[in-house]
């Protein structure tokens, strides 16, 4: 659960986010985890009134047809523990209509 005020014994949970694109009903959000607590993204977005599509546990009103939630780790960067070089891994988007819509929107945006 996310709290507005600190609770004794709790650990901090921080993230940064940015709205990248939107459809009529949904937003594509880029999230950078600062900490990485269990269910952090789900709990924090629910706490601000923005539950993840399909996430019944954290407040979305209906499930996705396949029981999934619309949370996807598209890209992750890390420092390799042996070589100390930065690795960036990029995954394909899930094969469904909403993800494909946002993938097409992203192709039309200017590159960073």
N, C-alpha and C. Protein backbone atom coordinates (compact mmCIF):
# COMPACT_ATOMS: atom_id res chain seq x y z
N UNK A 1 0.84 -1.18 0.00
CA UNK A 1 0.00 0.00 0.00
C UNK A 1 0.88 1.24 0.00
N UNK A 2 0.45 2.26 -0.64
CA UNK A 2 1.19 3.53 -0.68
C UNK A 2 0.59 4.47 0.36
N UNK A 3 1.46 5.23 0.99
CA UNK A 3 1.02 6.14 2.04
C UNK A 3 1.46 7.56 1.71
N UNK A 4 0.64 8.53 2.05
CA UNK A 4 0.98 9.93 1.87
C UNK A 4 1.97 10.36 2.95
N UNK A 5 1.82 9.78 4.13
CA UNK A 5 2.62 10.14 5.30
C UNK A 5 3.44 8.93 5.71
N UNK A 6 4.65 9.14 6.20
CA UNK A 6 5.54 8.05 6.59
C UNK A 6 4.93 7.23 7.72
N UNK A 7 5.09 5.91 7.62
CA UNK A 7 4.60 4.97 8.62
C UNK A 7 5.82 4.36 9.30
N UNK A 8 5.78 4.26 10.63
CA UNK A 8 6.90 3.70 11.38
C UNK A 8 7.28 2.32 10.84
N UNK A 9 8.56 2.14 10.56
CA UNK A 9 9.06 0.86 10.06
C UNK A 9 8.95 0.67 8.56
N UNK A 10 8.32 1.61 7.87
CA UNK A 10 8.19 1.47 6.42
C UNK A 10 9.49 1.89 5.73
N UNK A 11 9.66 1.40 4.52
CA UNK A 11 10.83 1.76 3.71
C UNK A 11 10.38 2.72 2.61
N UNK A 12 11.25 3.63 2.21
CA UNK A 12 10.85 4.55 1.14
C UNK A 12 10.67 3.82 -0.19
N UNK A 13 9.77 4.33 -0.99
CA UNK A 13 9.52 3.79 -2.32
C UNK A 13 9.41 4.99 -3.26
N UNK A 14 10.41 5.13 -4.13
CA UNK A 14 10.44 6.29 -5.02
C UNK A 14 10.50 5.86 -6.47
N UNK A 15 9.84 6.65 -7.31
CA UNK A 15 9.92 6.48 -8.75
C UNK A 15 9.71 7.82 -9.41
N UNK A 16 10.12 7.90 -10.67
CA UNK A 16 9.84 9.07 -11.49
C UNK A 16 9.01 8.58 -12.66
N UNK A 17 8.08 9.42 -13.13
CA UNK A 17 7.30 9.01 -14.29
C UNK A 17 7.03 10.18 -15.21
N UNK A 18 6.76 9.83 -16.47
CA UNK A 18 6.48 10.83 -17.49
C UNK A 18 5.45 10.24 -18.45
N UNK A 19 4.41 11.03 -18.76
CA UNK A 19 3.42 10.60 -19.74
C UNK A 19 4.04 10.76 -21.13
N UNK A 20 4.07 9.67 -21.88
CA UNK A 20 4.69 9.64 -23.20
C UNK A 20 3.65 9.85 -24.30
N UNK A 21 2.48 9.22 -24.13
CA UNK A 21 1.42 9.29 -25.14
C UNK A 21 0.10 8.95 -24.48
N UNK A 22 -0.99 9.22 -25.18
CA UNK A 22 -2.30 8.85 -24.64
C UNK A 22 -3.24 8.48 -25.77
N UNK A 23 -4.22 7.66 -25.40
CA UNK A 23 -5.31 7.32 -26.31
C UNK A 23 -6.56 7.99 -25.75
N UNK A 24 -7.73 7.61 -26.22
CA UNK A 24 -8.96 8.19 -25.68
C UNK A 24 -9.12 7.87 -24.20
N UNK A 25 -8.68 6.68 -23.77
CA UNK A 25 -8.94 6.24 -22.39
C UNK A 25 -7.70 5.87 -21.59
N UNK A 26 -6.53 5.75 -22.24
CA UNK A 26 -5.35 5.23 -21.54
C UNK A 26 -4.14 6.10 -21.79
N UNK A 27 -3.15 5.95 -20.92
CA UNK A 27 -1.89 6.68 -21.03
C UNK A 27 -0.74 5.70 -21.14
N UNK A 28 0.26 6.06 -21.92
CA UNK A 28 1.51 5.33 -21.96
C UNK A 28 2.48 6.12 -21.10
N UNK A 29 2.99 5.49 -20.07
CA UNK A 29 3.82 6.18 -19.09
C UNK A 29 5.19 5.53 -19.02
N UNK A 30 6.21 6.36 -19.02
CA UNK A 30 7.58 5.89 -18.82
C UNK A 30 7.89 6.03 -17.33
N UNK A 31 8.36 4.95 -16.73
CA UNK A 31 8.63 4.95 -15.30
C UNK A 31 10.09 4.62 -15.05
N UNK A 32 10.71 5.39 -14.18
CA UNK A 32 12.07 5.10 -13.73
C UNK A 32 11.99 4.78 -12.25
N UNK A 33 12.31 3.55 -11.90
CA UNK A 33 12.29 3.15 -10.50
C UNK A 33 13.56 3.65 -9.80
N UNK A 34 13.38 4.32 -8.69
CA UNK A 34 14.50 4.75 -7.88
C UNK A 34 14.78 3.68 -6.83
N UNK A 35 13.74 3.13 -6.26
CA UNK A 35 13.90 2.05 -5.28
C UNK A 35 13.57 0.72 -5.95
N UNK A 36 12.40 0.20 -5.82
CA UNK A 36 12.05 -1.07 -6.44
C UNK A 36 11.40 -2.01 -5.44
N UNK A 37 10.45 -1.51 -4.72
CA UNK A 37 9.72 -2.31 -3.74
C UNK A 37 8.70 -3.21 -4.44
N UNK A 38 8.30 -4.27 -3.73
CA UNK A 38 7.33 -5.22 -4.23
C UNK A 38 6.02 -4.50 -4.58
N UNK A 39 5.54 -4.65 -5.79
CA UNK A 39 4.29 -4.04 -6.29
C UNK A 39 4.33 -2.52 -6.24
N UNK A 40 5.51 -1.92 -6.21
CA UNK A 40 5.65 -0.47 -6.06
C UNK A 40 4.88 0.32 -7.11
N UNK A 41 5.07 0.01 -8.37
CA UNK A 41 4.42 0.76 -9.44
C UNK A 41 2.90 0.63 -9.30
N UNK A 42 2.44 -0.58 -9.09
CA UNK A 42 1.00 -0.82 -8.98
C UNK A 42 0.40 -0.06 -7.81
N UNK A 43 1.05 -0.10 -6.65
CA UNK A 43 0.53 0.57 -5.45
C UNK A 43 0.58 2.08 -5.59
N UNK A 44 1.68 2.61 -6.09
CA UNK A 44 1.80 4.07 -6.18
C UNK A 44 0.86 4.67 -7.21
N UNK A 45 0.69 4.02 -8.34
CA UNK A 45 -0.24 4.56 -9.33
C UNK A 45 -1.69 4.44 -8.87
N UNK A 46 -2.01 3.37 -8.17
CA UNK A 46 -3.35 3.25 -7.60
C UNK A 46 -3.60 4.36 -6.58
N UNK A 47 -2.59 4.68 -5.77
CA UNK A 47 -2.73 5.71 -4.73
C UNK A 47 -3.00 7.10 -5.30
N UNK A 48 -2.56 7.35 -6.53
CA UNK A 48 -2.82 8.66 -7.14
C UNK A 48 -4.04 8.63 -8.07
N UNK A 49 -4.81 7.53 -7.97
CA UNK A 49 -6.04 7.43 -8.75
C UNK A 49 -5.84 7.00 -10.19
N UNK A 50 -4.74 6.32 -10.45
CA UNK A 50 -4.41 5.90 -11.82
C UNK A 50 -4.00 4.42 -11.83
N UNK A 51 -4.94 3.51 -11.48
CA UNK A 51 -4.58 2.09 -11.47
C UNK A 51 -4.23 1.60 -12.87
N UNK A 52 -3.45 0.57 -12.93
CA UNK A 52 -3.01 0.00 -14.21
C UNK A 52 -4.14 -0.83 -14.82
N UNK A 53 -4.34 -0.67 -16.12
CA UNK A 53 -5.39 -1.38 -16.83
C UNK A 53 -5.31 -2.88 -16.53
N UNK A 54 -6.44 -3.44 -16.09
CA UNK A 54 -6.53 -4.87 -15.81
C UNK A 54 -6.14 -5.27 -14.40
N UNK A 55 -5.63 -4.35 -13.59
CA UNK A 55 -5.10 -4.68 -12.26
C UNK A 55 -6.20 -4.61 -11.19
N UNK A 56 -6.95 -5.68 -11.05
CA UNK A 56 -8.05 -5.74 -10.09
C UNK A 56 -7.57 -5.57 -8.65
N UNK A 57 -6.40 -6.11 -8.33
CA UNK A 57 -5.88 -6.04 -6.96
C UNK A 57 -5.65 -4.59 -6.52
N UNK A 58 -5.27 -3.73 -7.46
CA UNK A 58 -4.96 -2.34 -7.12
C UNK A 58 -5.95 -1.34 -7.72
N UNK A 59 -7.19 -1.77 -7.93
CA UNK A 59 -8.25 -0.81 -8.18
C UNK A 59 -8.78 -0.62 -9.58
N UNK A 60 -8.26 -1.34 -10.59
CA UNK A 60 -8.88 -1.19 -11.90
C UNK A 60 -10.21 -1.94 -11.88
N UNK A 61 -11.21 -1.45 -12.58
CA UNK A 61 -12.56 -1.99 -12.44
C UNK A 61 -12.84 -3.28 -13.20
N UNK A 62 -11.99 -3.68 -14.12
CA UNK A 62 -12.21 -4.95 -14.82
C UNK A 62 -10.87 -5.52 -15.28
N UNK A 63 -10.84 -6.83 -15.44
CA UNK A 63 -9.59 -7.48 -15.84
C UNK A 63 -9.42 -7.43 -17.35
N UNK A 64 -8.20 -7.64 -17.80
CA UNK A 64 -7.95 -7.83 -19.23
C UNK A 64 -8.46 -9.21 -19.61
N UNK A 65 -8.86 -9.44 -20.87
CA UNK A 65 -9.41 -10.74 -21.27
C UNK A 65 -8.52 -11.93 -20.92
N UNK A 66 -7.20 -11.75 -20.97
CA UNK A 66 -6.29 -12.87 -20.66
C UNK A 66 -5.85 -12.90 -19.20
N UNK A 67 -6.40 -12.01 -18.36
CA UNK A 67 -6.05 -11.97 -16.94
C UNK A 67 -4.78 -11.21 -16.61
N UNK A 68 -4.12 -10.67 -17.63
CA UNK A 68 -2.88 -9.91 -17.40
C UNK A 68 -3.21 -8.50 -16.95
N UNK A 69 -2.16 -7.76 -16.56
CA UNK A 69 -2.30 -6.33 -16.35
C UNK A 69 -1.43 -5.64 -17.39
N UNK A 70 -1.75 -4.41 -17.71
CA UNK A 70 -1.04 -3.70 -18.78
C UNK A 70 0.19 -2.97 -18.23
N UNK A 71 1.11 -3.75 -17.70
CA UNK A 71 2.38 -3.26 -17.18
C UNK A 71 3.47 -4.05 -17.90
N UNK A 72 4.37 -3.35 -18.56
CA UNK A 72 5.36 -4.02 -19.40
C UNK A 72 6.72 -3.35 -19.25
N UNK A 73 7.72 -4.14 -18.97
CA UNK A 73 9.08 -3.61 -18.91
C UNK A 73 9.66 -3.63 -20.32
N UNK A 74 9.55 -2.51 -20.99
CA UNK A 74 9.98 -2.40 -22.39
C UNK A 74 11.48 -2.35 -22.51
N UNK A 75 12.12 -1.60 -21.59
CA UNK A 75 13.56 -1.43 -21.67
C UNK A 75 14.14 -1.36 -20.27
N UNK A 76 15.28 -2.01 -20.10
CA UNK A 76 15.97 -1.97 -18.82
C UNK A 76 17.46 -1.79 -19.08
N UNK A 77 18.08 -0.95 -18.28
CA UNK A 77 19.52 -0.73 -18.38
C UNK A 77 20.16 -1.10 -17.06
N UNK A 78 21.33 -1.71 -17.13
CA UNK A 78 22.04 -2.09 -15.93
C UNK A 78 23.53 -2.17 -16.22
N UNK A 79 24.31 -2.16 -15.16
CA UNK A 79 25.75 -2.33 -15.29
C UNK A 79 26.07 -3.80 -15.12
N UNK A 80 26.76 -4.38 -16.10
CA UNK A 80 27.12 -5.79 -16.04
C UNK A 80 28.02 -6.02 -14.83
N UNK A 81 27.72 -7.04 -14.01
CA UNK A 81 28.48 -7.23 -12.78
C UNK A 81 29.95 -7.61 -12.97
N UNK A 82 30.30 -8.17 -14.11
CA UNK A 82 31.69 -8.58 -14.35
C UNK A 82 32.43 -7.57 -15.22
N UNK A 83 31.86 -7.22 -16.37
CA UNK A 83 32.55 -6.33 -17.30
C UNK A 83 32.42 -4.86 -16.92
N UNK A 84 31.43 -4.56 -16.08
CA UNK A 84 31.15 -3.17 -15.64
C UNK A 84 30.68 -2.28 -16.79
N UNK A 85 30.30 -2.87 -17.90
CA UNK A 85 29.77 -2.10 -19.02
C UNK A 85 28.26 -2.01 -18.90
N UNK A 86 27.70 -0.90 -19.39
CA UNK A 86 26.25 -0.73 -19.35
C UNK A 86 25.60 -1.60 -20.42
N UNK A 87 24.55 -2.30 -20.01
CA UNK A 87 23.75 -3.11 -20.92
C UNK A 87 22.35 -2.51 -20.98
N UNK A 88 21.80 -2.43 -22.17
CA UNK A 88 20.42 -2.00 -22.32
C UNK A 88 19.69 -3.09 -23.09
N UNK A 89 18.63 -3.62 -22.50
CA UNK A 89 17.84 -4.68 -23.10
C UNK A 89 16.47 -4.12 -23.44
N UNK A 90 16.00 -4.38 -24.65
CA UNK A 90 14.70 -3.90 -25.10
C UNK A 90 13.84 -5.08 -25.51
N UNK A 91 12.62 -5.13 -24.97
CA UNK A 91 11.69 -6.22 -25.27
C UNK A 91 10.65 -5.75 -26.29
N UNK A 92 10.10 -6.69 -27.00
CA UNK A 92 8.99 -6.40 -27.92
C UNK A 92 7.76 -6.04 -27.09
N UNK A 93 6.86 -5.27 -27.66
CA UNK A 93 5.62 -4.98 -26.96
C UNK A 93 4.71 -6.21 -27.00
N UNK A 94 3.85 -6.37 -26.00
CA UNK A 94 2.89 -7.48 -26.04
C UNK A 94 2.03 -7.41 -27.30
N UNK A 95 1.60 -8.56 -27.75
CA UNK A 95 0.82 -8.64 -28.98
C UNK A 95 -0.67 -8.44 -28.69
N UNK A 96 -1.05 -7.19 -28.43
CA UNK A 96 -2.47 -6.89 -28.31
C UNK A 96 -2.73 -5.49 -28.87
N UNK A 97 -3.99 -5.21 -29.06
CA UNK A 97 -4.41 -4.00 -29.77
C UNK A 97 -3.90 -2.70 -29.10
N UNK A 98 -4.02 -2.60 -27.78
CA UNK A 98 -3.61 -1.38 -27.09
C UNK A 98 -2.10 -1.16 -27.18
N UNK A 99 -1.32 -2.21 -26.94
CA UNK A 99 0.14 -2.06 -27.02
C UNK A 99 0.58 -1.72 -28.44
N UNK A 100 -0.05 -2.33 -29.43
CA UNK A 100 0.30 -2.03 -30.82
C UNK A 100 -0.07 -0.59 -31.17
N UNK A 101 -1.20 -0.10 -30.65
CA UNK A 101 -1.58 1.29 -30.86
C UNK A 101 -0.47 2.21 -30.34
N UNK A 102 -0.04 1.99 -29.10
CA UNK A 102 0.99 2.84 -28.52
C UNK A 102 2.35 2.67 -29.22
N UNK A 103 2.64 1.47 -29.70
CA UNK A 103 3.88 1.27 -30.45
C UNK A 103 3.87 2.13 -31.71
N UNK A 104 2.74 2.20 -32.39
CA UNK A 104 2.63 3.03 -33.60
C UNK A 104 2.72 4.51 -33.27
N UNK A 105 2.12 4.93 -32.16
CA UNK A 105 2.23 6.33 -31.72
C UNK A 105 3.69 6.67 -31.47
N UNK A 106 4.41 5.79 -30.81
CA UNK A 106 5.82 6.03 -30.46
C UNK A 106 6.69 6.18 -31.72
N UNK A 107 6.37 5.44 -32.76
CA UNK A 107 7.13 5.53 -34.01
C UNK A 107 7.02 6.91 -34.64
N UNK A 108 5.92 7.59 -34.38
CA UNK A 108 5.67 8.90 -34.97
C UNK A 108 6.27 10.06 -34.15
N UNK A 109 6.66 9.77 -32.91
CA UNK A 109 7.22 10.82 -32.06
C UNK A 109 8.68 11.09 -32.43
N UNK A 110 9.14 12.33 -32.21
CA UNK A 110 10.57 12.62 -32.45
C UNK A 110 11.46 11.79 -31.52
N UNK A 111 12.60 11.38 -32.02
CA UNK A 111 13.55 10.61 -31.22
C UNK A 111 14.18 11.49 -30.14
N UNK A 112 14.54 10.85 -29.01
CA UNK A 112 15.18 11.58 -27.89
C UNK A 112 16.57 11.98 -28.27
